[in-house]
Amino acid sequence: MAQTAKLLGQASPAADTPADLYTAPADTTAVVSALFVCNTGTADTVFSVSVADGGAAEGDAQWLYRDHPVPAKRTFLVDGKVVLQAADVLRVESLSGGVAFNLFGLEVT
């Protein structure tokens, strides 16, 4: 088994618009180790993070964070292990836009 530590995804989606930050490739298990959420704006906002099993449509059971506050010009670190199987999708969004998401982890093939 090959293991590759890497930047899994980066995004700064438009306001109130969900974005697929990372989709686990076929025949791959991904171990997410850190998600940095940086509010680059001058006003406080909230962000949300979800995981869609197999890329399923958005649903209530998928939320890891829902409308979590992040102050202006501050970064929030989501530090914890999340394991994604092939086709699982990690999605992000923010209420006001101007939020950068950076996802780091390990792909195992």
PDB file of N, CA and C in Angstrom:
ATOM      1  N   MET A   1       0.830  -1.190   0.000  1.00  0.00           N
ATOM      2  CA  MET A   1       0.000   0.000   0.000  1.00  0.00           C
ATOM      3  C   MET A   1       0.869   1.244   0.000  1.00  0.00           C
ATOM      4  N   ALA A   2       0.574   2.148  -0.909  1.00  0.00           N
ATOM      5  CA  ALA A   2       1.273   3.433  -0.957  1.00  0.00           C
ATOM      6  C   ALA A   2       0.518   4.450  -0.111  1.00  0.00           C
ATOM      7  N   GLN A   3       1.269   5.251   0.645  1.00  0.00           N
ATOM      8  CA  GLN A   3       0.686   6.308   1.453  1.00  0.00           C
ATOM      9  C   GLN A   3       1.323   7.638   1.053  1.00  0.00           C
ATOM     10  N   THR A   4       0.480   8.606   0.728  1.00  0.00           N
ATOM     11  CA  THR A   4       0.970   9.906   0.291  1.00  0.00           C
ATOM     12  C   THR A   4       0.334  11.008   1.132  1.00  0.00           C
ATOM     13  N   ALA A   5       1.170  11.708   1.905  1.00  0.00           N
ATOM     14  CA  ALA A   5       0.689  12.864   2.659  1.00  0.00           C
ATOM     15  C   ALA A   5       0.636  14.045   1.707  1.00  0.00           C
ATOM     16  N   LYS A   6      -0.483  14.796   1.741  1.00  0.00           N
ATOM     17  CA  LYS A   6      -0.612  15.870   0.758  1.00  0.00           C
ATOM     18  C   LYS A   6      -1.685  16.883   1.133  1.00  0.00           C
ATOM     19  N   LEU A   7      -1.667  17.980   0.390  1.00  0.00           N
ATOM     20  CA  LEU A   7      -2.763  18.930   0.403  1.00  0.00           C
ATOM     21  C   LEU A   7      -3.876  18.283  -0.409  1.00  0.00           C
ATOM     22  N   LEU A   8      -5.001  18.018   0.230  1.00  0.00           N
ATOM     23  CA  LEU A   8      -6.103  17.322  -0.444  1.00  0.00           C
ATOM     24  C   LEU A   8      -7.012  18.266  -1.213  1.00  0.00           C
ATOM     25  N   GLY A   9      -7.113  19.514  -0.756  1.00  0.00           N
ATOM     26  CA  GLY A   9      -7.986  20.438  -1.464  1.00  0.00           C
ATOM     27  C   GLY A   9      -7.920  21.844  -0.919  1.00  0.00           C
ATOM     28  N   GLN A  10      -8.221  22.803  -1.800  1.00  0.00           N
ATOM     29  CA  GLN A  10      -8.329  24.210  -1.443  1.00  0.00           C
ATOM     30  C   GLN A  10      -9.531  24.788  -2.150  1.00  0.00           C
ATOM     31  N   ALA A  11     -10.262  25.652  -1.447  1.00  0.00           N
ATOM     32  CA  ALA A  11     -11.412  26.317  -2.058  1.00  0.00           C
ATOM     33  C   ALA A  11     -11.747  27.578  -1.283  1.00  0.00           C
ATOM     34  N   SER A  12     -12.337  28.518  -2.000  1.00  0.00           N
ATOM     35  CA  SER A  12     -12.892  29.723  -1.395  1.00  0.00           C
ATOM     36  C   SER A  12     -14.209  29.991  -2.123  1.00  0.00           C
ATOM     37  N   PRO A  13     -15.246  29.219  -1.758  1.00  0.00           N
ATOM     38  CA  PRO A  13     -16.512  29.309  -2.500  1.00  0.00           C
ATOM     39  C   PRO A  13     -17.241  30.631  -2.290  1.00  0.00           C
ATOM     40  N   ALA A  14     -18.089  30.950  -3.246  1.00  0.00           N
ATOM     41  CA  ALA A  14     -18.934  32.144  -3.158  1.00  0.00           C
ATOM     42  C   ALA A  14     -19.864  32.029  -1.951  1.00  0.00           C
ATOM     43  N   ALA A  15     -20.398  33.144  -1.527  1.00  0.00           N
ATOM     44  CA  ALA A  15     -21.292  33.197  -0.367  1.00  0.00           C
ATOM     45  C   ALA A  15     -22.436  32.201  -0.486  1.00  0.00           C
ATOM     46  N   ASP A  16     -22.669  31.485   0.622  1.00  0.00           N
ATOM     47  CA  ASP A  16     -23.812  30.571   0.745  1.00  0.00           C
ATOM     48  C   ASP A  16     -23.902  29.568  -0.407  1.00  0.00           C
ATOM     49  N   THR A  17     -22.734  29.107  -0.879  1.00  0.00           N
ATOM     50  CA  THR A  17     -22.672  28.165  -1.997  1.00  0.00           C
ATOM     51  C   THR A  17     -21.831  26.957  -1.602  1.00  0.00           C
ATOM     52  N   PRO A  18     -22.428  25.777  -1.454  1.00  0.00           N
ATOM     53  CA  PRO A  18     -21.638  24.596  -1.118  1.00  0.00           C
ATOM     54  C   PRO A  18     -20.635  24.283  -2.226  1.00  0.00           C
ATOM     55  N   ALA A  19     -19.451  23.813  -1.815  1.00  0.00           N
ATOM     56  CA  ALA A  19     -18.414  23.428  -2.770  1.00  0.00           C
ATOM     57  C   ALA A  19     -17.829  22.086  -2.358  1.00  0.00           C
ATOM     58  N   ASP A  20     -17.579  21.234  -3.340  1.00  0.00           N
ATOM     59  CA  ASP A  20     -16.893  19.971  -3.084  1.00  0.00           C
ATOM     60  C   ASP A  20     -15.414  20.279  -2.901  1.00  0.00           C
ATOM     61  N   LEU A  21     -14.924  20.181  -1.678  1.00  0.00           N
ATOM     62  CA  LEU A  21     -13.521  20.473  -1.397  1.00  0.00           C
ATOM     63  C   LEU A  21     -12.631  19.297  -1.772  1.00  0.00           C
ATOM     64  N   TYR A  22     -13.124  18.068  -1.526  1.00  0.00           N
ATOM     65  CA  TYR A  22     -12.327  16.878  -1.815  1.00  0.00           C
ATOM     66  C   TYR A  22     -13.244  15.693  -2.054  1.00  0.00           C
ATOM     67  N   THR A  23     -12.919  14.924  -3.061  1.00  0.00           N
ATOM     68  CA  THR A  23     -13.594  13.652  -3.342  1.00  0.00           C
ATOM     69  C   THR A  23     -12.537  12.565  -3.327  1.00  0.00           C
ATOM     70  N   ALA A  24     -12.722  11.549  -2.486  1.00  0.00           N
ATOM     71  CA  ALA A  24     -11.754  10.457  -2.419  1.00  0.00           C
ATOM     72  C   ALA A  24     -11.762   9.695  -3.746  1.00  0.00           C
ATOM     73  N   PRO A  25     -10.584   9.545  -4.359  1.00  0.00           N
ATOM     74  CA  PRO A  25     -10.500   8.845  -5.649  1.00  0.00           C
ATOM     75  C   PRO A  25     -10.850   7.357  -5.534  1.00  0.00           C
ATOM     76  N   ALA A  26     -11.118   6.750  -6.675  1.00  0.00           N
ATOM     77  CA  ALA A  26     -11.392   5.308  -6.731  1.00  0.00           C
ATOM     78  C   ALA A  26     -10.218   4.538  -6.138  1.00  0.00           C
ATOM     79  N   ASP A  27     -10.508   3.446  -5.476  1.00  0.00           N
ATOM     80  CA  ASP A  27      -9.485   2.565  -4.888  1.00  0.00           C
ATOM     81  C   ASP A  27      -8.575   3.288  -3.905  1.00  0.00           C
ATOM     82  N   THR A  28      -9.112   4.286  -3.215  1.00  0.00           N
ATOM     83  CA  THR A  28      -8.319   5.087  -2.286  1.00  0.00           C
ATOM     84  C   THR A  28      -9.083   5.297  -0.987  1.00  0.00           C
ATOM     85  N   THR A  29      -8.348   5.208   0.113  1.00  0.00           N
ATOM     86  CA  THR A  29      -8.850   5.630   1.415  1.00  0.00           C
ATOM     87  C   THR A  29      -8.089   6.886   1.790  1.00  0.00           C
ATOM     88  N   ALA A  30      -8.786   7.911   2.216  1.00  0.00           N
ATOM     89  CA  ALA A  30      -8.150   9.156   2.623  1.00  0.00           C
ATOM     90  C   ALA A  30      -8.339   9.353   4.119  1.00  0.00           C
ATOM     91  N   VAL A  31      -7.273   9.730   4.784  1.00  0.00           N
ATOM     92  CA  VAL A  31      -7.328  10.055   6.203  1.00  0.00           C
ATOM     93  C   VAL A  31      -7.096  11.555   6.318  1.00  0.00           C
ATOM     94  N   VAL A  32      -8.156  12.276   6.592  1.00  0.00           N
ATOM     95  CA  VAL A  32      -8.088  13.733   6.736  1.00  0.00           C
ATOM     96  C   VAL A  32      -7.539  14.035   8.124  1.00  0.00           C
ATOM     97  N   SER A  33      -6.499  14.872   8.167  1.00  0.00           N
ATOM     98  CA  SER A  33      -5.891  15.180   9.464  1.00  0.00           C
ATOM     99  C   SER A  33      -6.154  16.606   9.922  1.00  0.00           C
ATOM    100  N   ALA A  34      -6.334  17.546   8.985  1.00  0.00           N
ATOM    101  CA  ALA A  34      -6.545  18.939   9.389  1.00  0.00           C
ATOM    102  C   ALA A  34      -7.286  19.709   8.308  1.00  0.00           C
ATOM    103  N   LEU A  35      -8.193  20.556   8.755  1.00  0.00           N
ATOM    104  CA  LEU A  35      -8.890  21.493   7.876  1.00  0.00           C
ATOM    105  C   LEU A  35      -8.712  22.884   8.478  1.00  0.00           C
ATOM    106  N   PHE A  36      -8.092  23.784   7.717  1.00  0.00           N
ATOM    107  CA  PHE A  36      -7.944  25.174   8.127  1.00  0.00           C
ATOM    108  C   PHE A  36      -9.041  25.984   7.463  1.00  0.00           C
ATOM    109  N   VAL A  37      -9.758  26.772   8.265  1.00  0.00           N
ATOM    110  CA  VAL A  37     -10.835  27.623   7.776  1.00  0.00           C
ATOM    111  C   VAL A  37     -10.437  29.059   8.105  1.00  0.00           C
ATOM    112  N   CYS A  38     -10.093  29.831   7.079  1.00  0.00           N
ATOM    113  CA  CYS A  38      -9.583  31.188   7.273  1.00  0.00           C
ATOM    114  C   CYS A  38     -10.581  32.205   6.738  1.00  0.00           C
ATOM    115  N   ASN A  39     -11.101  33.022   7.638  1.00  0.00           N
ATOM    116  CA  ASN A  39     -11.994  34.106   7.245  1.00  0.00           C
ATOM    117  C   ASN A  39     -11.126  35.283   6.813  1.00  0.00           C
ATOM    118  N   THR A  40     -11.023  35.505   5.509  1.00  0.00           N
ATOM    119  CA  THR A  40     -10.191  36.587   4.992  1.00  0.00           C
ATOM    120  C   THR A  40     -10.926  37.922   4.980  1.00  0.00           C
ATOM    121  N   GLY A  41     -12.200  37.901   5.330  1.00  0.00           N
ATOM    122  CA  GLY A  41     -13.026  39.108   5.290  1.00  0.00           C
ATOM    123  C   GLY A  41     -12.887  39.975   6.524  1.00  0.00           C
ATOM    124  N   THR A  42     -13.582  41.107   6.492  1.00  0.00           N
ATOM    125  CA  THR A  42     -13.525  42.077   7.592  1.00  0.00           C
ATOM    126  C   THR A  42     -14.730  41.970   8.525  1.00  0.00           C
ATOM    127  N   ALA A  43     -15.595  40.981   8.284  1.00  0.00           N
ATOM    128  CA  ALA A  43     -16.765  40.772   9.145  1.00  0.00           C
ATOM    129  C   ALA A  43     -16.805  39.317   9.604  1.00  0.00           C
ATOM    130  N   ASP A  44     -17.338  39.103  10.801  1.00  0.00           N
ATOM    131  CA  ASP A  44     -17.529  37.738  11.287  1.00  0.00           C
ATOM    132  C   ASP A  44     -18.475  36.995  10.352  1.00  0.00           C
ATOM    133  N   THR A  45     -18.307  35.674  10.277  1.00  0.00           N
ATOM    134  CA  THR A  45     -19.195  34.862   9.464  1.00  0.00           C
ATOM    135  C   THR A  45     -19.310  33.475  10.091  1.00  0.00           C
ATOM    136  N   VAL A  46     -19.992  32.584   9.411  1.00  0.00           N
ATOM    137  CA  VAL A  46     -20.104  31.188   9.848  1.00  0.00           C
ATOM    138  C   VAL A  46     -19.754  30.292   8.672  1.00  0.00           C
ATOM    139  N   PHE A  47     -19.311  29.076   8.991  1.00  0.00           N
ATOM    140  CA  PHE A  47     -19.006  28.096   7.962  1.00  0.00           C
ATOM    141  C   PHE A  47     -19.627  26.758   8.307  1.00  0.00           C
ATOM    142  N   SER A  48     -19.728  25.902   7.296  1.00  0.00           N
ATOM    143  CA  SER A  48     -20.272  24.554   7.472  1.00  0.00           C
ATOM    144  C   SER A  48     -19.393  23.561   6.735  1.00  0.00           C
ATOM    145  N   VAL A  49     -19.323  22.334   7.274  1.00  0.00           N
ATOM    146  CA  VAL A  49     -18.560  21.245   6.671  1.00  0.00           C
ATOM    147  C   VAL A  49     -19.417  19.987   6.751  1.00  0.00           C
ATOM    148  N   SER A  50     -19.483  19.240   5.649  1.00  0.00           N
ATOM    149  CA  SER A  50     -20.233  17.990   5.653  1.00  0.00           C
ATOM    150  C   SER A  50     -19.460  16.916   4.902  1.00  0.00           C
ATOM    151  N   VAL A  51     -19.815  15.663   5.153  1.00  0.00           N
ATOM    152  CA  VAL A  51     -19.250  14.532   4.427  1.00  0.00           C
ATOM    153  C   VAL A  51     -20.397  13.737   3.832  1.00  0.00           C
ATOM    154  N   ALA A  52     -20.349  13.575   2.508  1.00  0.00           N
ATOM    155  CA  ALA A  52     -21.386  12.843   1.786  1.00  0.00           C
ATOM    156  C   ALA A  52     -20.877  11.444   1.459  1.00  0.00           C
ATOM    157  N   ASP A  53     -21.485  10.444   2.070  1.00  0.00           N
ATOM    158  CA  ASP A  53     -21.130   9.047   1.823  1.00  0.00           C
ATOM    159  C   ASP A  53     -21.378   8.714   0.357  1.00  0.00           C
ATOM    160  N   GLY A  54     -20.313   8.373  -0.361  1.00  0.00           N
ATOM    161  CA  GLY A  54     -20.455   8.004  -1.765  1.00  0.00           C
ATOM    162  C   GLY A  54     -20.929   9.145  -2.652  1.00  0.00           C
ATOM    163  N   GLY A  55     -20.800  10.396  -2.183  1.00  0.00           N
ATOM    164  CA  GLY A  55     -21.217  11.547  -2.973  1.00  0.00           C
ATOM    165  C   GLY A  55     -22.709  11.808  -2.949  1.00  0.00           C
ATOM    166  N   ALA A  56     -23.399  11.293  -1.944  1.00  0.00           N
ATOM    167  CA  ALA A  56     -24.855  11.466  -1.836  1.00  0.00           C
ATOM    168  C   ALA A  56     -25.240  12.942  -1.792  1.00  0.00           C
ATOM    169  N   ALA A  57     -26.488  13.217  -2.141  1.00  0.00           N
ATOM    170  CA  ALA A  57     -27.022  14.576  -2.058  1.00  0.00           C
ATOM    171  C   ALA A  57     -26.983  15.042  -0.602  1.00  0.00           C
ATOM    172  N   GLU A  58     -26.934  16.360  -0.399  1.00  0.00           N
ATOM    173  CA  GLU A  58     -26.857  16.945   0.931  1.00  0.00           C
ATOM    174  C   GLU A  58     -28.013  16.487   1.814  1.00  0.00           C
ATOM    175  N   GLY A  59     -27.698  16.135   3.067  1.00  0.00           N
ATOM    176  CA  GLY A  59     -28.713  15.704   4.026  1.00  0.00           C
ATOM    177  C   GLY A  59     -28.289  16.028   5.444  1.00  0.00           C
ATOM    178  N   ASP A  60     -29.223  16.071   6.353  1.00  0.00           N
ATOM    179  CA  ASP A  60     -28.970  16.471   7.738  1.00  0.00           C
ATOM    180  C   ASP A  60     -27.929  15.604   8.457  1.00  0.00           C
ATOM    181  N   ALA A  61     -27.855  14.324   8.144  1.00  0.00           N
ATOM    182  CA  ALA A  61     -26.940  13.420   8.846  1.00  0.00           C
ATOM    183  C   ALA A  61     -25.475  13.646   8.479  1.00  0.00           C
ATOM    184  N   GLN A  62     -25.201  14.436   7.458  1.00  0.00           N
ATOM    185  CA  GLN A  62     -23.831  14.591   6.955  1.00  0.00           C
ATOM    186  C   GLN A  62     -23.012  15.680   7.655  1.00  0.00           C
ATOM    187  N   TRP A  63     -23.637  16.545   8.425  1.00  0.00           N
ATOM    188  CA  TRP A  63     -22.938  17.707   8.962  1.00  0.00           C
ATOM    189  C   TRP A  63     -21.908  17.347  10.020  1.00  0.00           C
ATOM    190  N   LEU A  64     -20.686  17.866   9.837  1.00  0.00           N
ATOM    191  CA  LEU A  64     -19.661  17.811  10.881  1.00  0.00           C
ATOM    192  C   LEU A  64     -19.660  19.133  11.649  1.00  0.00           C
ATOM    193  N   TYR A  65     -19.817  20.225  10.915  1.00  0.00           N
ATOM    194  CA  TYR A  65     -19.977  21.571  11.486  1.00  0.00           C
ATOM    195  C   TYR A  65     -21.099  22.239  10.713  1.00  0.00           C
ATOM    196  N   ARG A  66     -21.976  22.917  11.423  1.00  0.00           N
ATOM    197  CA  ARG A  66     -23.082  23.623  10.765  1.00  0.00           C
ATOM    198  C   ARG A  66     -23.158  25.023  11.349  1.00  0.00           C
ATOM    199  N   ASP A  67     -22.964  26.019  10.517  1.00  0.00           N
ATOM    200  CA  ASP A  67     -23.015  27.421  10.930  1.00  0.00           C
ATOM    201  C   ASP A  67     -22.104  27.694  12.134  1.00  0.00           C
ATOM    202  N   HIS A  68     -20.868  27.231  12.039  1.00  0.00           N
ATOM    203  CA  HIS A  68     -19.883  27.445  13.104  1.00  0.00           C
ATOM    204  C   HIS A  68     -19.240  28.822  12.910  1.00  0.00           C
ATOM    205  N   PRO A  69     -19.153  29.632  13.972  1.00  0.00           N
ATOM    206  CA  PRO A  69     -18.623  30.988  13.822  1.00  0.00           C
ATOM    207  C   PRO A  69     -17.112  31.008  13.577  1.00  0.00           C
ATOM    208  N   VAL A  70     -16.687  31.950  12.751  1.00  0.00           N
ATOM    209  CA  VAL A  70     -15.270  32.253  12.579  1.00  0.00           C
ATOM    210  C   VAL A  70     -15.158  33.779  12.456  1.00  0.00           C
ATOM    211  N   PRO A  71     -14.456  34.397  13.410  1.00  0.00           N
ATOM    212  CA  PRO A  71     -14.350  35.855  13.421  1.00  0.00           C
ATOM    213  C   PRO A  71     -13.583  36.389  12.199  1.00  0.00           C
ATOM    214  N   ALA A  72     -13.766  37.652  11.918  1.00  0.00           N
ATOM    215  CA  ALA A  72     -13.055  38.326  10.832  1.00  0.00           C
ATOM    216  C   ALA A  72     -11.550  38.189  11.016  1.00  0.00           C
ATOM    217  N   LYS A  73     -10.858  37.944   9.896  1.00  0.00           N
ATOM    218  CA  LYS A  73      -9.393  37.879   9.882  1.00  0.00           C
ATOM    219  C   LYS A  73      -8.823  36.830  10.834  1.00  0.00           C
ATOM    220  N   ARG A  74      -9.580  35.775  11.090  1.00  0.00           N
ATOM    221  CA  ARG A  74      -9.130  34.706  11.982  1.00  0.00           C
ATOM    222  C   ARG A  74      -9.212  33.358  11.261  1.00  0.00           C
ATOM    223  N   THR A  75      -8.453  32.394  11.811  1.00  0.00           N
ATOM    224  CA  THR A  75      -8.436  31.033  11.265  1.00  0.00           C
ATOM    225  C   THR A  75      -8.907  30.064  12.330  1.00  0.00           C
ATOM    226  N   PHE A  76      -9.748  29.126  11.916  1.00  0.00           N
ATOM    227  CA  PHE A  76     -10.240  28.066  12.792  1.00  0.00           C
ATOM    228  C   PHE A  76      -9.635  26.764  12.296  1.00  0.00           C
ATOM    229  N   LEU A  77      -9.039  25.983  13.185  1.00  0.00           N
ATOM    230  CA  LEU A  77      -8.442  24.697  12.831  1.00  0.00           C
ATOM    231  C   LEU A  77      -9.354  23.572  13.264  1.00  0.00           C
ATOM    232  N   VAL A  78      -9.782  22.766  12.301  1.00  0.00           N
ATOM    233  CA  VAL A  78     -10.505  21.531  12.589  1.00  0.00           C
ATOM    234  C   VAL A  78      -9.436  20.454  12.616  1.00  0.00           C
ATOM    235  N   ASP A  79      -9.125  19.971  13.807  1.00  0.00           N
ATOM    236  CA  ASP A  79      -8.022  19.030  13.996  1.00  0.00           C
ATOM    237  C   ASP A  79      -8.594  17.710  14.479  1.00  0.00           C
ATOM    238  N   GLY A  80      -8.646  16.742  13.600  1.00  0.00           N
ATOM    239  CA  GLY A  80      -9.181  15.444  13.969  1.00  0.00           C
ATOM    240  C   GLY A  80      -9.144  14.524  12.778  1.00  0.00           C
ATOM    241  N   LYS A  81      -9.180  13.252  13.049  1.00  0.00           N
ATOM    242  CA  LYS A  81      -9.098  12.270  11.978  1.00  0.00           C
ATOM    243  C   LYS A  81     -10.493  11.939  11.445  1.00  0.00           C
ATOM    244  N   VAL A  82     -10.624  12.038  10.128  1.00  0.00           N
ATOM    245  CA  VAL A  82     -11.832  11.627   9.424  1.00  0.00           C
ATOM    246  C   VAL A  82     -11.378  10.709   8.303  1.00  0.00           C
ATOM    247  N   VAL A  83     -11.968   9.541   8.191  1.00  0.00           N
ATOM    248  CA  VAL A  83     -11.598   8.592   7.148  1.00  0.00           C
ATOM    249  C   VAL A  83     -12.663   8.614   6.060  1.00  0.00           C
ATOM    250  N   LEU A  84     -12.204   8.803   4.823  1.00  0.00           N
ATOM    251  CA  LEU A  84     -13.091   8.827   3.666  1.00  0.00           C
ATOM    252  C   LEU A  84     -12.747   7.658   2.751  1.00  0.00           C
ATOM    253  N   GLN A  85     -13.770   6.994   2.262  1.00  0.00           N
ATOM    254  CA  GLN A  85     -13.591   5.911   1.300  1.00  0.00           C
ATOM    255  C   GLN A  85     -13.811   6.448  -0.103  1.00  0.00           C
ATOM    256  N   ALA A  86     -13.478   5.656  -1.100  1.00  0.00           N
ATOM    257  CA  ALA A  86     -13.640   6.067  -2.496  1.00  0.00           C
ATOM    258  C   ALA A  86     -15.028   6.653  -2.729  1.00  0.00           C
ATOM    259  N   ALA A  87     -15.080   7.785  -3.398  1.00  0.00           N
ATOM    260  CA  ALA A  87     -16.300   8.511  -3.792  1.00  0.00           C
ATOM    261  C   ALA A  87     -16.931   9.334  -2.664  1.00  0.00           C
ATOM    262  N   ASP A  88     -16.439   9.232  -1.433  1.00  0.00           N
ATOM    263  CA  ASP A  88     -16.940  10.104  -0.371  1.00  0.00           C
ATOM    264  C   ASP A  88     -16.507  11.536  -0.673  1.00  0.00           C
ATOM    265  N   VAL A  89     -17.378  12.512  -0.355  1.00  0.00           N
ATOM    266  CA  VAL A  89     -17.116  13.914  -0.686  1.00  0.00           C
ATOM    267  C   VAL A  89     -17.166  14.767   0.580  1.00  0.00           C
ATOM    268  N   LEU A  90     -16.132  15.582   0.780  1.00  0.00           N
ATOM    269  CA  LEU A  90     -16.123  16.550   1.856  1.00  0.00           C
ATOM    270  C   LEU A  90     -16.508  17.889   1.243  1.00  0.00           C
ATOM    271  N   ARG A  91     -17.594  18.478   1.755  1.00  0.00           N
ATOM    272  CA  ARG A  91     -18.130  19.734   1.213  1.00  0.00           C
ATOM    273  C   ARG A  91     -17.999  20.848   2.243  1.00  0.00           C
ATOM    274  N   VAL A  92     -17.821  22.070   1.735  1.00  0.00           N
ATOM    275  CA  VAL A  92     -17.674  23.236   2.597  1.00  0.00           C
ATOM    276  C   VAL A  92     -18.522  24.383   2.063  1.00  0.00           C
ATOM    277  N   GLU A  93     -18.851  25.315   2.950  1.00  0.00           N
ATOM    278  CA  GLU A  93     -19.525  26.550   2.538  1.00  0.00           C
ATOM    279  C   GLU A  93     -19.404  27.573   3.656  1.00  0.00           C
ATOM    280  N   SER A  94     -19.611  28.839   3.300  1.00  0.00           N
ATOM    281  CA  SER A  94     -19.642  29.905   4.294  1.00  0.00           C
ATOM    282  C   SER A  94     -20.803  30.833   3.967  1.00  0.00           C
ATOM    283  N   LEU A  95     -21.286  31.503   4.979  1.00  0.00           N
ATOM    284  CA  LEU A  95     -22.444  32.368   4.798  1.00  0.00           C
ATOM    285  C   LEU A  95     -22.126  33.570   3.914  1.00  0.00           C
ATOM    286  N   SER A  96     -20.964  34.174   4.133  1.00  0.00           N
ATOM    287  CA  SER A  96     -20.677  35.430   3.444  1.00  0.00           C
ATOM    288  C   SER A  96     -19.629  35.351   2.346  1.00  0.00           C
ATOM    289  N   GLY A  97     -19.027  34.175   2.129  1.00  0.00           N
ATOM    290  CA  GLY A  97     -17.913  34.093   1.194  1.00  0.00           C
ATOM    291  C   GLY A  97     -16.670  34.673   1.850  1.00  0.00           C
ATOM    292  N   GLY A  98     -15.577  34.753   1.095  1.00  0.00           N
ATOM    293  CA  GLY A  98     -14.350  35.282   1.666  1.00  0.00           C
ATOM    294  C   GLY A  98     -13.725  34.379   2.701  1.00  0.00           C
ATOM    295  N   VAL A  99     -14.045  33.082   2.632  1.00  0.00           N
ATOM    296  CA  VAL A  99     -13.484  32.106   3.563  1.00  0.00           C
ATOM    297  C   VAL A  99     -12.686  31.091   2.755  1.00  0.00           C
ATOM    298  N   ALA A 100     -11.421  30.899   3.148  1.00  0.00           N
ATOM    299  CA  ALA A 100     -10.546  29.940   2.472  1.00  0.00           C
ATOM    300  C   ALA A 100     -10.501  28.646   3.278  1.00  0.00           C
ATOM    301  N   PHE A 101     -10.684  27.527   2.581  1.00  0.00           N
ATOM    302  CA  PHE A 101     -10.637  26.197   3.187  1.00  0.00           C
ATOM    303  C   PHE A 101      -9.417  25.459   2.630  1.00  0.00           C
ATOM    304  N   ASN A 102      -8.578  24.916   3.511  1.00  0.00           N
ATOM    305  CA  ASN A 102      -7.405  24.140   3.121  1.00  0.00           C
ATOM    306  C   ASN A 102      -7.418  22.822   3.875  1.00  0.00           C
ATOM    307  N   LEU A 103      -7.421  21.719   3.121  1.00  0.00           N
ATOM    308  CA  LEU A 103      -7.580  20.382   3.682  1.00  0.00           C
ATOM    309  C   LEU A 103      -6.300  19.580   3.487  1.00  0.00           C
ATOM    310  N   PHE A 104      -5.819  18.965   4.566  1.00  0.00           N
ATOM    311  CA  PHE A 104      -4.584  18.184   4.528  1.00  0.00           C
ATOM    312  C   PHE A 104      -4.859  16.768   5.032  1.00  0.00           C
ATOM    313  N   GLY A 105      -4.126  15.803   4.469  1.00  0.00           N
ATOM    314  CA  GLY A 105      -4.301  14.443   4.917  1.00  0.00           C
ATOM    315  C   GLY A 105      -3.416  13.474   4.184  1.00  0.00           C
ATOM    316  N   LEU A 106      -3.801  12.216   4.235  1.00  0.00           N
ATOM    317  CA  LEU A 106      -3.035  11.103   3.712  1.00  0.00           C
ATOM    318  C   LEU A 106      -3.922  10.282   2.792  1.00  0.00           C
ATOM    319  N   GLU A 107      -3.444   9.997   1.582  1.00  0.00           N
ATOM    320  CA  GLU A 107      -4.148   9.078   0.693  1.00  0.00           C
ATOM    321  C   GLU A 107      -3.448   7.731   0.715  1.00  0.00           C
ATOM    322  N   VAL A 108      -4.239   6.680   0.886  1.00  0.00           N
ATOM    323  CA  VAL A 108      -3.727   5.323   0.912  1.00  0.00           C
ATOM    324  C   VAL A 108      -4.300   4.580  -0.281  1.00  0.00           C
ATOM    325  N   THR A 109      -3.405   4.080  -1.149  1.00  0.00           N
ATOM    326  CA  THR A 109      -3.860   3.360  -2.350  1.00  0.00           C
ATOM    327  C   THR A 109      -3.330   1.943  -2.367  1.00  0.00           C
TER     328      THR A 109
END
